[in-house]
Protein backbone atom coordinates (compact mmCIF):
# COMPACT_ATOMS: atom_id res chain seq x y z
CA MET A 1 161.89 29.39 73.23
CA ASP A 2 162.95 32.71 74.75
CA TRP A 3 159.77 34.00 76.42
CA ASN A 4 161.26 37.52 76.52
CA HIS A 5 161.66 37.71 72.74
CA TYR A 6 158.83 39.31 70.77
CA ARG A 7 158.04 39.92 67.11
CA PHE A 8 155.21 42.25 66.27
CA LEU A 9 153.54 43.21 63.01
CA SER A 10 150.89 45.91 62.73
CA LEU A 11 149.24 47.16 59.55
CA TRP A 12 147.61 50.58 59.56
CA THR A 13 145.46 51.77 56.67
CA LEU A 14 145.42 55.55 56.89
CA PRO A 15 143.34 58.19 55.06
CA ALA A 16 146.19 60.29 53.66
CA PRO A 17 148.84 60.15 50.95
CA ALA A 18 152.02 58.22 51.76
CA PRO A 19 154.31 61.30 51.89
CA ALA A 20 152.08 62.93 54.55
CA VAL A 21 152.05 59.74 56.65
CA TYR A 22 155.82 59.41 56.35
CA ARG A 23 156.33 63.02 57.47
CA GLU A 24 154.23 62.45 60.59
CA LEU A 25 155.98 59.20 61.45
CA GLU A 26 159.46 60.68 61.10
CA ARG A 27 158.63 63.43 63.65
CA ILE A 28 159.06 61.19 66.66
CA GLU A 29 159.03 64.12 69.08
CA ASP A 30 155.37 64.72 68.08
CA TYR A 31 154.20 61.17 68.88
CA PRO A 32 152.82 62.10 72.33
CA ARG A 33 150.49 64.61 70.61
CA TRP A 34 148.60 61.87 68.79
CA TRP A 35 149.65 58.57 70.42
CA PRO A 36 148.42 58.48 74.04
CA GLN A 37 150.65 55.58 75.10
CA VAL A 38 153.84 57.39 74.07
CA ARG A 39 154.04 59.43 77.24
CA GLU A 40 157.32 61.27 76.70
CA VAL A 41 159.97 61.78 74.03
CA THR A 42 163.30 63.39 74.90
CA ARG A 43 165.66 64.09 72.03
CA VAL A 44 169.28 63.26 72.86
CA ASP A 45 170.67 64.44 69.49
CA ASP A 46 169.68 64.61 65.80
CA THR A 47 169.46 60.83 65.44
CA GLY A 48 168.35 59.62 68.86
CA ALA A 49 165.65 59.99 71.47
CA VAL A 50 164.52 58.41 74.71
CA LEU A 51 160.86 57.35 74.73
CA ARG A 52 158.67 56.41 77.65
CA PHE A 53 155.65 54.21 76.88
CA ARG A 54 152.74 53.06 78.96
CA SER A 55 149.68 51.25 77.70
CA LEU A 56 146.87 49.62 79.70
CA LEU A 57 149.01 47.53 82.06
CA PRO A 58 150.52 49.43 85.02
CA TYR A 59 154.17 49.64 83.97
CA ASP A 60 156.29 52.06 81.98
CA LEU A 61 158.89 51.05 79.42
CA THR A 62 161.79 53.33 78.53
CA ALA A 63 163.86 52.83 75.41
CA THR A 64 166.53 54.78 73.60
CA LEU A 65 165.88 54.85 69.87
CA ARG A 66 168.72 55.44 67.42
CA GLU A 67 168.05 56.12 63.76
CA GLY A 68 169.12 53.20 61.60
CA ARG A 69 167.61 53.85 58.19
CA ARG A 70 165.69 56.85 56.94
CA ASP A 71 164.70 56.48 53.30
CA PRO A 72 161.79 58.69 52.22
CA ALA A 73 161.87 57.35 48.63
CA ALA A 74 161.38 53.78 49.89
CA GLY A 75 159.07 54.91 52.73
CA VAL A 76 161.29 53.30 55.37
CA LEU A 77 162.04 54.52 58.89
CA GLU A 78 164.05 52.12 61.04
CA VAL A 79 165.48 52.46 64.53
CA ALA A 80 167.65 50.42 66.86
CA MET A 81 166.28 50.17 70.41
CA SER A 82 168.04 49.75 73.75
CA GLY A 83 166.92 49.98 77.36
CA ASP A 84 163.83 48.15 78.62
CA LEU A 85 163.39 46.90 75.03
CA GLU A 86 166.39 45.88 72.96
CA GLY A 87 166.12 45.28 69.24
CA TRP A 88 164.72 47.20 66.30
CA ALA A 89 161.54 48.67 64.84
CA ARG A 90 160.67 49.66 61.29
CA TRP A 91 157.90 51.62 59.58
CA THR A 92 157.35 50.92 55.89
CA VAL A 93 154.94 53.40 54.30
CA THR A 94 153.38 52.68 50.88
CA ALA A 95 150.52 54.06 48.80
CA HIS A 96 147.43 51.88 49.12
CA GLY A 97 144.92 53.32 46.69
CA PRO A 98 143.85 56.88 45.97
CA GLY A 99 144.67 59.08 48.97
CA THR A 100 145.20 56.06 51.22
CA THR A 101 148.38 54.68 52.76
CA LEU A 102 149.43 51.41 54.30
CA ALA A 103 151.85 51.86 57.20
CA ARG A 104 153.47 48.58 58.17
CA TYR A 105 155.13 48.40 61.60
CA ASP A 106 157.58 45.57 62.25
CA GLN A 107 159.31 45.19 65.59
CA GLU A 108 161.63 42.57 67.02
CA VAL A 109 162.71 43.06 70.62
CA VAL A 110 163.93 41.33 73.73
CA VAL A 111 162.46 42.61 76.98
CA ARG A 112 165.16 43.70 79.44
CA LYS A 113 162.99 45.23 82.19
CA PRO A 114 163.56 42.91 85.20
CA LEU A 115 159.93 42.75 86.40
CA LEU A 116 158.64 41.83 82.95
CA ARG A 117 161.38 39.24 82.52
CA ARG A 118 160.28 37.56 85.77
CA LEU A 119 156.67 37.52 84.54
CA ALA A 120 157.60 36.41 81.00
CA LEU A 121 155.74 33.11 80.87
CA PRO A 122 152.48 33.92 82.68
CA GLY A 123 152.40 37.52 81.43
CA ARG A 124 153.13 36.92 77.75
CA PRO A 125 149.48 36.89 76.56
CA LEU A 126 148.79 40.08 78.53
CA PHE A 127 151.94 41.79 77.20
CA ARG A 128 150.93 40.95 73.61
CA ALA A 129 147.38 42.22 74.20
CA ASN A 130 148.81 45.38 75.77
CA HIS A 131 150.89 45.94 72.63
CA ARG A 132 147.83 45.43 70.38
CA LEU A 133 145.89 48.03 72.38
CA MET A 134 148.77 50.47 72.11
CA MET A 135 149.01 49.98 68.36
CA ARG A 136 145.25 50.36 67.88
CA ALA A 137 145.29 53.66 69.77
CA GLY A 138 148.29 54.81 67.73
CA ARG A 139 146.50 54.10 64.45
CA CYS A 140 143.41 55.96 65.58
CA GLY A 141 145.45 58.89 66.85
CA LEU A 142 147.50 59.19 63.67
CA ALA A 143 144.40 58.91 61.46
CA ALA A 144 142.79 61.78 63.41
CA ARG A 145 145.97 63.87 63.24
CA LEU A 146 146.26 63.37 59.48
CA GLN A 147 142.77 64.85 59.10
CA THR A 148 143.95 68.10 60.72
CA VAL A 149 147.33 68.65 59.01
């Protein structure tokens, strides 16, 4: 087993129609406004950005995200990631009842940050918990933002 390889799945039920959720998720430069752990987004061009993340544990991760698939009709936003995290991430946004949306986040990455690679085995449970906390805060932040737009 590669202790630096991670697969994550998060499901967010959100109080807004799917098109509104999709519009918020595709505006990656706005993530720091509603997602506290996304500390900085720097656009490099129309299809790429550098993001800096930091959750509860005292380390930053920096990744360059490149647009892979953007399909509003299917509700899919997918990016390729490189940097401290290498792999991909995908949002799939679907209606989930009247005025409610299910946003599914899938991510598969290999950690490249040297410190985290050295701590891979003992740190793995903490890294996974750190990710869960980040995703929980993101869901809460997006739900609040959707109430104001």
